[in-house]
Amino acid sequence: MSPADRTAPPAAPAPPLSDRADAPDADFAAALRVDPGALGAPPPAPTPEEARVAEAVLAHFAVARPGPSSFPSIATQILELVRYPDLDLAELARYIKVDGALAGGVLSLANSAVYRGVRTIDTVKDAVARLGVSEVARLAAAISMRALYSADASAEFKRFTAEWERLFLHAATTARAASELARRRVVATPGAEQTFMAGLLHDVGLSIALRSYAALSVAGKIPALEAASVAKVLHRVHVQVGVEMHRVWRLPASLADVAAHHHDAAVAPGAEQGVLHLVRLVSALDLAAREPGAHPGGAAEALQSSRALGLSPAKLAALSADLEAAEAWVRTAFPPPGAAPAALPR
């Protein structure tokens, strides 16, 4: 069963979807469950008020942006480490133990109902052995990166806790689903670890922009907006904010390119763009399922990236199951405060 906040697909029967990667656009529209006209429709223009708030958010970010030390660099260190086939489990454990919260999170997950074995795990090294190197690396990256998608102790941020939870759920679901597709070689990419990190960071500009929006809102410097308008404001500025934060953090160009170009009207095909197309596609599909109408340009992005990756309408539609499994993994690993962990599908 899909998570509660996903929109259930229509119950009406539909003809079989094409299994040809060169199928007409209308077949892809059927796979995406959108009107074919949505594939070329421009996004709606912001209202004058939304445009003014977006400019205020960018101005606040320019003077209050986080510094280089705000990035949890241990995430990229761990994902780089696991690229080597002769990796020593003890070495990976040593990296994880550097961060107490990270070590505690990995131990907690290894002893959760999903991963638990016949005995309790009480060392990071044993947790790595139980979960597997690739799995623990992705878990560790997500645990360490969650700090970028969370409120701090100030009241101005806590008012928007639900928004940060939603943004993290989208980023982590995109990262998990895209990296699983890469791991299974459903599409060709340089690797699951790079794809996972690109997914986690592709929309980090939304979270950073939300910090500026929250500060301005609590200070009464911008008008109160409906949730839909807030989403439009953040969407309008998040690529610019994300690109700047990738520069501040001095992240690899391969990650920065995904953040910079995942909403481009057109992205060139080719193996060198594989991670970008995969994250762009999965992100658009996740938003369409979670928040229909929130990203009108998503259908066009999904169509173009599907073609660039050589996916047919039938294979495109089948990705919904991967997204559901990825979201279940995220909800299991990162339940909301006070919530019981979700169960992963069998």
Protein backbone atom coordinates (compact mmCIF):
# COMPACT_ATOMS: atom_id res chain seq x y z
CA MET A 1 0.00 0.00 0.00
CA SER A 2 1.24 3.49 -0.80
CA PRO A 3 2.14 5.87 2.05
CA ALA A 4 -0.78 7.99 3.20
CA ASP A 5 0.32 11.24 1.57
CA ARG A 6 0.61 9.76 -1.92
CA THR A 7 -2.24 10.23 -4.33
CA ALA A 8 -3.94 6.95 -5.25
CA PRO A 9 -3.94 6.26 -9.02
CA PRO A 10 -7.28 6.28 -10.83
CA ALA A 11 -9.16 3.00 -10.69
CA ALA A 12 -10.36 3.14 -14.32
CA PRO A 13 -8.83 0.46 -16.56
CA ALA A 14 -6.27 1.63 -19.10
CA PRO A 15 -4.82 0.03 -22.23
CA PRO A 16 -1.37 -1.58 -21.92
CA LEU A 17 1.47 0.91 -22.05
CA SER A 18 3.99 0.83 -24.86
CA ASP A 19 7.30 -0.95 -24.24
CA ARG A 20 9.06 1.08 -26.93
CA ALA A 21 11.50 3.78 -25.89
CA ASP A 22 10.62 5.71 -29.07
CA ALA A 23 6.88 5.70 -28.33
CA PRO A 24 4.91 8.90 -29.04
CA ASP A 25 4.68 11.59 -26.39
CA ALA A 26 1.03 10.69 -25.79
CA ASP A 27 2.09 7.23 -24.55
CA PHE A 28 4.47 8.81 -22.05
CA ALA A 29 1.70 11.16 -20.94
CA ALA A 30 -0.46 8.07 -20.25
CA ALA A 31 2.35 6.55 -18.19
CA LEU A 32 2.66 9.80 -16.23
CA ARG A 33 -1.15 10.04 -15.87
CA VAL A 34 -1.23 13.57 -17.25
CA ASP A 35 -2.92 15.23 -20.19
CA PRO A 36 -0.56 15.32 -23.20
CA GLY A 37 -0.86 19.09 -23.18
CA ALA A 38 0.89 19.18 -19.81
CA LEU A 39 4.11 17.97 -21.46
CA GLY A 40 4.70 21.36 -23.03
CA ALA A 41 2.82 23.70 -20.72
CA PRO A 42 4.96 26.48 -19.20
CA PRO A 43 4.89 26.82 -15.40
CA PRO A 44 2.45 29.45 -14.09
CA ALA A 45 3.93 32.88 -13.54
CA PRO A 46 4.24 34.01 -9.91
CA THR A 47 1.90 36.65 -8.57
CA PRO A 48 3.46 40.05 -7.89
CA GLU A 49 3.38 39.26 -4.16
CA GLU A 50 5.14 35.91 -4.68
CA ALA A 51 7.77 37.59 -6.83
CA ARG A 52 8.44 40.21 -4.14
CA VAL A 53 8.76 37.57 -1.43
CA ALA A 54 11.13 35.54 -3.62
CA GLU A 55 13.36 38.60 -4.04
CA ALA A 56 13.28 39.18 -0.27
CA VAL A 57 14.31 35.57 0.36
CA LEU A 58 17.25 35.87 -2.04
CA ALA A 59 18.32 39.16 -0.43
CA HIS A 60 18.21 37.61 3.05
CA PHE A 61 20.12 34.54 1.86
CA ALA A 62 22.83 36.75 0.36
CA VAL A 63 23.70 38.15 3.79
CA ALA A 64 22.80 35.21 6.03
CA ARG A 65 23.81 32.15 4.04
CA PRO A 66 25.41 29.26 5.95
CA GLY A 67 29.19 29.03 5.80
CA PRO A 68 31.45 26.23 4.58
CA SER A 69 31.45 24.49 7.97
CA SER A 70 27.67 23.93 7.78
CA PHE A 71 28.15 20.97 5.44
CA PRO A 72 28.56 17.55 7.13
CA SER A 73 31.61 16.54 5.11
CA ILE A 74 31.73 13.09 6.67
CA ALA A 75 28.91 12.09 4.31
CA THR A 76 31.04 12.54 1.18
CA GLN A 77 34.06 10.97 2.91
CA ILE A 78 32.12 7.80 3.66
CA LEU A 79 30.61 7.55 0.18
CA GLU A 80 34.05 8.06 -1.36
CA LEU A 81 35.50 5.40 0.92
CA VAL A 82 33.04 2.68 -0.10
CA ARG A 83 33.98 3.01 -3.78
CA TYR A 84 37.03 0.85 -3.15
CA PRO A 85 36.37 -2.92 -3.39
CA ASP A 86 38.96 -3.85 -0.74
CA LEU A 87 37.45 -1.58 1.90
CA ASP A 88 38.12 -2.75 5.44
CA LEU A 89 34.98 -2.76 7.62
CA ALA A 90 37.01 -1.51 10.57
CA GLU A 91 38.12 1.51 8.55
CA LEU A 92 34.54 2.41 7.64
CA ALA A 93 33.54 1.96 11.28
CA ARG A 94 36.29 4.37 12.35
CA TYR A 95 34.91 7.07 10.05
CA ILE A 96 31.42 6.62 11.43
CA LYS A 97 32.54 6.71 15.05
CA VAL A 98 34.00 10.20 14.52
CA ASP A 99 30.44 11.55 14.78
CA GLY A 100 28.55 10.39 17.89
CA ALA A 101 25.10 11.10 16.43
CA LEU A 102 26.01 9.29 13.24
CA ALA A 103 27.32 6.25 15.11
CA GLY A 104 24.21 6.19 17.28
CA GLY A 105 21.94 6.36 14.25
CA VAL A 106 23.69 3.48 12.48
CA LEU A 107 23.54 1.34 15.63
CA SER A 108 19.86 2.15 16.11
CA LEU A 109 19.03 1.20 12.54
CA ALA A 110 21.03 -2.02 12.72
CA ASN A 111 18.97 -3.01 15.77
CA SER A 112 15.63 -1.89 14.32
CA ALA A 113 12.83 -4.33 13.58
CA VAL A 114 13.72 -4.24 9.90
CA TYR A 115 17.43 -5.09 10.16
CA ARG A 116 17.60 -6.84 13.54
CA GLY A 117 19.12 -10.33 13.79
CA VAL A 118 19.09 -12.83 16.63
CA ARG A 119 21.40 -10.74 18.81
CA THR A 120 21.69 -7.08 19.71
CA ILE A 121 24.44 -5.16 17.96
CA ASP A 122 26.48 -2.89 20.21
CA THR A 123 29.47 -1.88 18.05
CA VAL A 124 29.60 0.18 14.88
CA LYS A 125 31.78 -2.45 13.20
CA ASP A 126 29.15 -5.14 13.81
CA ALA A 127 26.44 -2.78 12.57
CA VAL A 128 28.36 -2.29 9.31
CA ALA A 129 28.76 -6.06 8.95
CA ARG A 130 25.03 -6.62 9.47
CA LEU A 131 23.80 -3.91 7.14
CA GLY A 132 26.43 -4.23 4.43
CA VAL A 133 28.91 -1.62 3.29
CA SER A 134 26.77 0.03 0.61
CA GLU A 135 23.65 0.16 2.77
CA VAL A 136 25.42 1.59 5.80
CA ALA A 137 27.16 4.18 3.64
CA ARG A 138 23.84 5.45 2.31
CA LEU A 139 22.30 5.39 5.77
CA ALA A 140 25.27 7.29 7.18
CA ALA A 141 25.10 9.88 4.42
CA ALA A 142 21.37 10.43 4.96
CA ILE A 143 21.77 10.63 8.76
CA SER A 144 24.55 13.18 8.51
CA MET A 145 22.80 15.21 5.79
CA ARG A 146 19.52 15.43 7.70
CA ALA A 147 20.92 18.38 9.65
CA LEU A 148 20.52 20.45 6.48
CA TYR A 149 16.80 19.62 6.45
CA SER A 150 15.91 20.43 10.03
CA ALA A 151 14.94 23.28 12.31
CA ASP A 152 17.22 24.48 15.06
CA ALA A 153 16.12 25.53 18.54
CA SER A 154 14.81 28.96 17.49
CA ALA A 155 11.08 29.54 17.32
CA GLU A 156 11.32 30.95 13.78
CA PHE A 157 12.48 27.58 12.48
CA LYS A 158 10.34 25.30 14.65
CA ARG A 159 7.19 26.80 13.14
CA PHE A 160 8.25 25.21 9.87
CA THR A 161 9.28 21.78 11.16
CA ALA A 162 6.68 20.01 9.03
CA GLU A 163 8.03 21.74 5.92
CA TRP A 164 11.59 20.57 6.62
CA GLU A 165 10.33 17.04 7.22
CA ARG A 166 8.56 17.11 3.86
CA LEU A 167 11.63 18.43 2.06
CA PHE A 168 13.86 15.79 3.62
CA LEU A 169 11.39 13.03 2.77
CA HIS A 170 11.43 14.12 -0.87
CA ALA A 171 15.23 14.41 -1.03
CA ALA A 172 15.89 11.10 0.71
CA THR A 173 13.20 9.24 -1.27
CA THR A 174 14.66 10.57 -4.51
CA ALA A 175 18.16 9.61 -3.39
CA ARG A 176 17.15 6.09 -2.35
CA ALA A 177 15.06 5.31 -5.43
CA ALA A 178 17.60 6.73 -7.89
CA SER A 179 20.52 4.93 -6.23
CA GLU A 180 18.64 1.63 -6.21
CA LEU A 181 17.96 1.98 -9.93
CA ALA A 182 21.66 2.72 -10.46
CA ARG A 183 22.70 -0.23 -8.28
CA ARG A 184 20.44 -2.60 -10.22
CA ARG A 185 21.76 -1.17 -13.51
CA VAL A 186 18.24 -0.25 -14.59
CA VAL A 187 19.92 2.78 -16.13
CA ALA A 188 23.63 3.40 -16.65
CA THR A 189 25.23 5.77 -14.11
CA PRO A 190 28.70 6.03 -12.55
CA GLY A 191 27.49 4.34 -9.36
CA ALA A 192 24.88 4.07 -6.64
CA GLU A 193 26.86 6.11 -4.10
CA GLN A 194 27.30 9.16 -6.34
CA THR A 195 23.67 8.92 -7.40
CA PHE A 196 22.52 8.75 -3.78
CA MET A 197 24.47 11.88 -2.82
CA ALA A 198 23.23 13.75 -5.89
CA GLY A 199 19.66 12.88 -4.93
CA LEU A 200 20.14 14.05 -1.36
CA LEU A 201 21.55 17.40 -2.50
CA HIS A 202 19.65 18.16 -5.70
CA ASP A 203 17.01 20.21 -3.84
CA VAL A 204 19.07 21.40 -0.87
CA GLY A 205 18.40 24.96 -2.04
CA LEU A 206 14.78 24.49 -0.92
CA SER A 207 15.83 23.82 2.65
CA ILE A 208 18.33 26.68 2.79
CA ALA A 209 15.81 29.08 1.21
CA LEU A 210 13.22 28.00 3.77
CA ARG A 211 15.56 29.22 6.52
CA SER A 212 15.51 32.71 5.01
CA TYR A 213 11.77 32.57 4.46
CA ALA A 214 11.20 31.50 8.08
CA ALA A 215 13.38 34.27 9.47
CA LEU A 216 11.64 36.92 7.36
CA SER A 217 8.18 35.57 8.18
CA VAL A 218 8.68 35.55 11.95
CA ALA A 219 10.18 39.06 11.82
CA GLY A 220 7.08 40.28 9.96
CA LYS A 221 9.14 41.47 7.01
CA ILE A 222 7.11 39.59 4.40
CA PRO A 223 3.36 39.01 4.09
CA ALA A 224 1.81 35.73 5.19
CA LEU A 225 1.35 33.38 2.24
CA GLU A 226 -0.73 30.27 1.70
CA ALA A 227 1.22 26.99 1.65
CA ALA A 228 0.91 26.71 -2.14
CA SER A 229 2.40 30.18 -2.59
CA VAL A 230 5.25 29.40 -0.19
CA ALA A 231 6.04 26.33 -2.29
CA LYS A 232 6.08 28.47 -5.45
CA VAL A 233 8.41 31.01 -3.83
CA LEU A 234 10.86 28.33 -2.68
CA HIS A 235 10.73 26.62 -6.07
CA ARG A 236 11.46 29.95 -7.77
CA VAL A 237 14.67 30.54 -5.80
CA HIS A 238 15.95 27.10 -4.84
CA VAL A 239 18.17 26.42 -7.85
CA GLN A 240 20.03 29.72 -7.42
CA VAL A 241 20.39 29.11 -3.68
CA GLY A 242 21.45 25.49 -4.18
CA VAL A 243 24.10 26.37 -6.75
CA GLU A 244 25.60 28.96 -4.42
CA MET A 245 25.67 26.52 -1.49
CA HIS A 246 27.40 23.89 -3.61
CA ARG A 247 30.03 26.55 -4.39
CA VAL A 248 30.37 27.55 -0.71
CA TRP A 249 30.72 23.90 0.32
CA ARG A 250 33.16 23.20 -2.55
CA LEU A 251 31.30 20.06 -3.52
CA PRO A 252 32.28 17.99 -6.58
CA ALA A 253 31.19 19.38 -9.92
CA SER A 254 29.19 16.21 -10.61
CA LEU A 255 26.91 17.01 -7.64
CA ALA A 256 26.74 20.73 -8.36
CA ASP A 257 25.68 20.07 -11.95
CA VAL A 258 22.65 18.08 -10.79
CA ALA A 259 21.58 20.87 -8.43
CA ALA A 260 22.10 23.48 -11.14
CA HIS A 261 20.39 21.77 -14.06
CA HIS A 262 17.68 19.40 -12.78
CA HIS A 263 14.97 21.92 -13.74
CA ASP A 264 16.50 23.00 -17.05
CA ALA A 265 14.01 23.03 -19.92
CA ALA A 266 16.34 20.75 -21.87
CA VAL A 267 19.24 18.55 -20.78
CA ALA A 268 21.46 16.90 -23.37
CA PRO A 269 21.37 13.08 -23.48
CA GLY A 270 24.51 11.04 -22.98
CA ALA A 271 26.21 8.82 -20.42
CA GLU A 272 27.96 11.78 -18.80
CA GLN A 273 24.52 13.16 -17.90
CA GLY A 274 23.19 9.86 -16.57
CA VAL A 275 23.05 10.85 -12.88
CA LEU A 276 21.44 14.19 -13.72
CA HIS A 277 18.73 12.57 -15.85
CA LEU A 278 18.06 9.84 -13.30
CA VAL A 279 17.71 12.24 -10.35
CA ARG A 280 15.69 14.67 -12.49
CA LEU A 281 13.29 11.90 -13.51
CA VAL A 282 12.85 10.34 -10.07
CA SER A 283 12.43 13.73 -8.40
CA ALA A 284 9.71 14.75 -10.86
CA LEU A 285 7.87 11.44 -10.39
CA ASP A 286 8.05 11.70 -6.60
CA LEU A 287 6.66 15.23 -6.58
CA ALA A 288 3.88 14.23 -8.97
CA ALA A 289 2.85 11.39 -6.64
CA ARG A 290 3.27 13.31 -3.39
CA GLU A 291 2.04 16.77 -4.37
CA PRO A 292 0.09 16.72 -7.64
CA GLY A 293 0.18 20.12 -9.31
CA ALA A 294 3.03 21.45 -7.15
CA HIS A 295 5.53 21.24 -10.00
CA PRO A 296 3.73 21.71 -13.34
CA GLY A 297 6.97 21.43 -15.31
CA GLY A 298 7.72 18.00 -13.87
CA ALA A 299 5.90 16.06 -16.58
CA ALA A 300 8.02 17.63 -19.31
CA GLU A 301 11.20 16.95 -17.34
CA ALA A 302 10.17 13.34 -16.78
CA LEU A 303 9.43 12.86 -20.47
CA GLN A 304 12.76 14.25 -21.63
CA SER A 305 14.81 12.36 -19.06
CA SER A 306 12.94 9.12 -19.78
CA ARG A 307 13.86 9.43 -23.44
CA ALA A 308 17.46 10.31 -22.60
CA LEU A 309 17.71 7.20 -20.38
CA GLY A 310 16.08 4.95 -22.96
CA LEU A 311 13.03 4.11 -20.84
CA SER A 312 9.74 3.11 -22.40
CA PRO A 313 6.33 4.28 -21.11
CA ALA A 314 5.83 0.86 -19.52
CA LYS A 315 9.15 1.04 -17.68
CA LEU A 316 8.44 4.63 -16.68
CA ALA A 317 5.13 3.64 -15.09
CA ALA A 318 6.82 0.74 -13.27
CA LEU A 319 9.07 3.18 -11.43
CA SER A 320 6.17 4.05 -9.12
CA ALA A 321 6.82 0.81 -7.22
CA ASP A 322 10.47 1.80 -6.75
CA LEU A 323 9.38 5.15 -5.35
CA GLU A 324 6.99 3.54 -2.91
CA ALA A 325 9.68 1.14 -1.69
CA ALA A 326 12.15 4.02 -1.36
CA GLU A 327 9.73 6.11 0.67
CA ALA A 328 9.02 3.16 2.95
CA TRP A 329 12.78 2.81 3.54
CA VAL A 330 13.07 6.49 4.44
CA ARG A 331 10.09 6.41 6.78
CA THR A 332 11.51 3.32 8.47
CA ALA A 333 14.96 4.83 8.89
CA PHE A 334 13.72 8.31 9.81
CA PRO A 335 10.31 8.19 11.50
CA PRO A 336 8.90 11.57 12.59
CA PRO A 337 9.46 12.44 16.26
CA GLY A 338 7.17 10.32 18.44
CA ALA A 339 6.03 8.11 15.57
CA ALA A 340 6.39 4.34 15.47
CA PRO A 341 8.75 3.14 12.71
CA ALA A 342 7.05 2.11 9.50
CA ALA A 343 7.44 -1.40 8.15
CA LEU A 344 9.27 -1.95 4.91
CA PRO A 345 7.35 -3.86 2.23
CA ARG A 346 8.20 -7.55 2.07
